[in-house]
Protein backbone atom coordinates (compact mmCIF):
# COMPACT_ATOMS: atom_id res chain seq x y z
CA MET A 1 13.70 -2.42 1.81
CA ASN A 2 16.13 -1.49 -0.95
CA SER A 3 15.70 2.17 -1.77
CA ARG A 4 16.21 3.58 -5.23
CA THR A 5 15.74 6.97 -6.82
CA SER A 6 12.69 7.30 -9.09
CA HIS A 7 12.85 9.50 -12.20
CA VAL A 8 9.66 10.18 -14.19
CA HIS A 9 9.86 12.29 -17.33
CA SER A 10 6.14 12.81 -17.95
CA LEU A 11 2.78 12.24 -16.21
CA THR A 12 -0.33 12.85 -18.31
CA ASN A 13 -4.10 12.56 -17.94
CA ILE A 14 -3.94 11.71 -14.26
CA SER A 15 -7.20 12.00 -12.34
CA ILE A 16 -7.09 10.70 -8.77
CA ASP A 17 -10.29 9.68 -6.97
CA SER A 18 -10.92 9.63 -3.24
CA SER A 19 -8.41 7.79 -1.09
CA SER A 20 -6.19 6.97 -4.09
CA VAL A 21 -2.44 7.43 -4.10
CA LEU A 22 0.03 8.69 -6.69
CA GLN A 23 3.46 7.95 -5.25
CA ILE A 24 6.74 8.68 -6.99
CA GLY A 25 9.58 7.45 -4.83
CA ASP A 26 9.85 5.02 -1.99
CA SER A 27 7.30 4.61 0.77
CA GLN A 28 7.36 2.62 3.96
CA LYS A 29 3.60 2.04 4.02
CA VAL A 30 0.66 2.94 1.79
CA ASP A 31 -2.70 2.52 3.52
CA ALA A 32 -5.90 3.84 1.97
CA GLN A 33 -9.55 3.18 2.73
CA SER A 34 -12.57 4.31 0.80
CA TYR A 35 -16.16 3.80 1.97
CA ILE A 36 -18.78 4.82 -0.59
CA LEU A 37 -22.56 5.03 -0.36
CA ALA A 38 -23.83 5.72 -3.87
CA VAL A 39 -27.52 6.66 -3.94
CA GLN A 40 -29.51 7.09 -7.15
CA ARG A 41 -33.09 8.37 -7.13
CA ASP A 42 -35.56 9.50 -9.75
CA LYS A 43 -36.38 12.49 -7.55
CA VAL A 44 -33.51 14.27 -5.87
CA ILE A 45 -34.84 14.38 -2.33
CA PHE A 46 -32.56 13.46 0.56
CA PHE A 47 -33.00 13.79 4.30
CA GLU A 48 -30.37 14.43 6.94
CA ASN A 49 -28.98 11.22 8.48
CA GLU A 50 -30.96 9.14 5.97
CA PHE A 51 -27.98 7.04 4.87
CA LEU A 52 -25.40 6.21 7.53
CA PHE A 53 -22.49 3.82 7.09
CA ARG A 54 -23.27 2.11 10.41
CA ASP A 55 -26.68 1.02 9.05
CA TYR A 56 -25.10 -1.27 6.44
CA VAL A 57 -23.37 -4.56 7.23
CA ALA A 58 -20.88 -4.05 4.39
CA PHE A 59 -19.28 -1.19 6.32
CA CYS A 60 -19.42 -2.74 9.81
CA GLU A 61 -17.99 -6.22 9.37
CA PRO A 62 -14.25 -6.63 9.78
CA PHE A 63 -12.37 -6.91 6.54
CA PRO A 64 -11.36 -10.56 5.94
CA LEU A 65 -7.60 -10.94 5.91
CA PRO A 66 -5.73 -13.92 4.51
CA SER A 67 -4.77 -16.53 7.05
CA ASP A 68 -1.21 -16.58 8.31
CA CYS A 69 1.16 -18.47 6.08
CA GLU A 70 4.82 -19.32 6.11
CA PRO A 71 7.14 -16.33 5.90
CA ILE A 72 8.67 -15.76 2.48
CA THR A 73 12.35 -14.92 2.29
CA THR A 74 13.46 -12.91 -0.72
CA SER A 75 16.75 -11.53 -1.88
CA THR A 76 16.89 -8.73 -4.45
CA PHE A 77 19.79 -7.13 -6.22
CA HIS A 78 19.25 -4.00 -8.33
CA GLU A 79 22.03 -3.38 -10.83
CA ASN A 80 20.79 0.15 -11.36
CA PRO A 81 20.19 2.35 -8.29
CA SER A 82 17.40 4.25 -10.04
CA ILE A 83 14.00 3.61 -11.58
CA ARG A 84 13.59 5.51 -14.85
CA VAL A 85 10.18 5.96 -16.46
CA ASP A 86 9.68 7.94 -19.66
CA LYS A 87 5.91 8.44 -19.63
CA VAL A 88 2.95 7.48 -17.45
CA ASN A 89 -0.48 7.95 -19.04
CA VAL A 90 -3.29 6.90 -16.71
CA SER A 91 -6.72 8.36 -17.28
CA PHE A 92 -8.20 7.61 -13.85
CA ALA A 93 -7.34 6.00 -10.53
CA ALA A 94 -10.52 4.89 -8.76
CA ALA A 95 -11.20 4.68 -5.04
CA SER A 96 -8.28 3.26 -3.06
CA ALA A 97 -6.09 2.67 -6.12
CA VAL A 98 -2.32 3.07 -6.20
CA ILE A 99 -0.10 4.38 -8.98
CA HIS A 100 3.34 3.80 -7.51
CA ILE A 101 6.77 4.22 -9.07
CA GLY A 102 9.25 3.16 -6.44
CA SER A 103 9.68 0.65 -3.65
CA SER A 104 7.21 0.02 -0.85
CA GLU A 105 7.45 -2.09 2.26
CA CYS A 106 3.71 -2.54 2.81
CA VAL A 107 0.58 -1.68 0.80
CA GLU A 108 -2.91 -2.08 2.26
CA MET A 109 -5.95 -0.90 0.30
CA GLU A 110 -9.63 -1.30 1.10
CA THR A 111 -12.74 -0.16 -0.75
CA ARG A 112 -16.31 -0.84 0.29
CA VAL A 113 -19.18 0.30 -1.93
CA LYS A 114 -22.94 0.10 -1.41
CA ASN A 115 -25.13 1.10 -4.36
CA ILE A 116 -28.72 2.07 -3.55
CA ARG A 117 -31.28 2.76 -6.25
CA HIS A 118 -34.74 4.16 -5.53
CA LEU A 119 -36.42 4.18 -8.92
CA VAL A 120 -40.10 4.65 -9.78
CA ARG A 121 -41.58 1.83 -11.83
CA ASN A 122 -44.07 2.61 -14.59
CA LYS A 123 -47.57 1.33 -13.77
CA ARG A 124 -49.54 -0.01 -16.74
């Protein structure tokens, strides 16, 4: 990996959510996972151990990876040994997102979300 120096003049409005990454500079590997159970109810009543990740297939199955393919050979030449950024304005980085200014050898991100809604229907 070709390393370069990263210069950032200004970062504004940055809000980083769970398992997200703000990286200025080089990194060998970025690996973030975010598992989210979002429960919405009309009445806010919850019981201990009511919602467990292991009870939902979405969180138990292995993450499908792309099949092996031919290796790709690349050659890169950077005329300038530095990365210069004047301003970064990002309002929000959601679960397992990356804001990265620099070089990275490997980036692996995974987000799994299960939304559950228990809503009372009006009876007529």
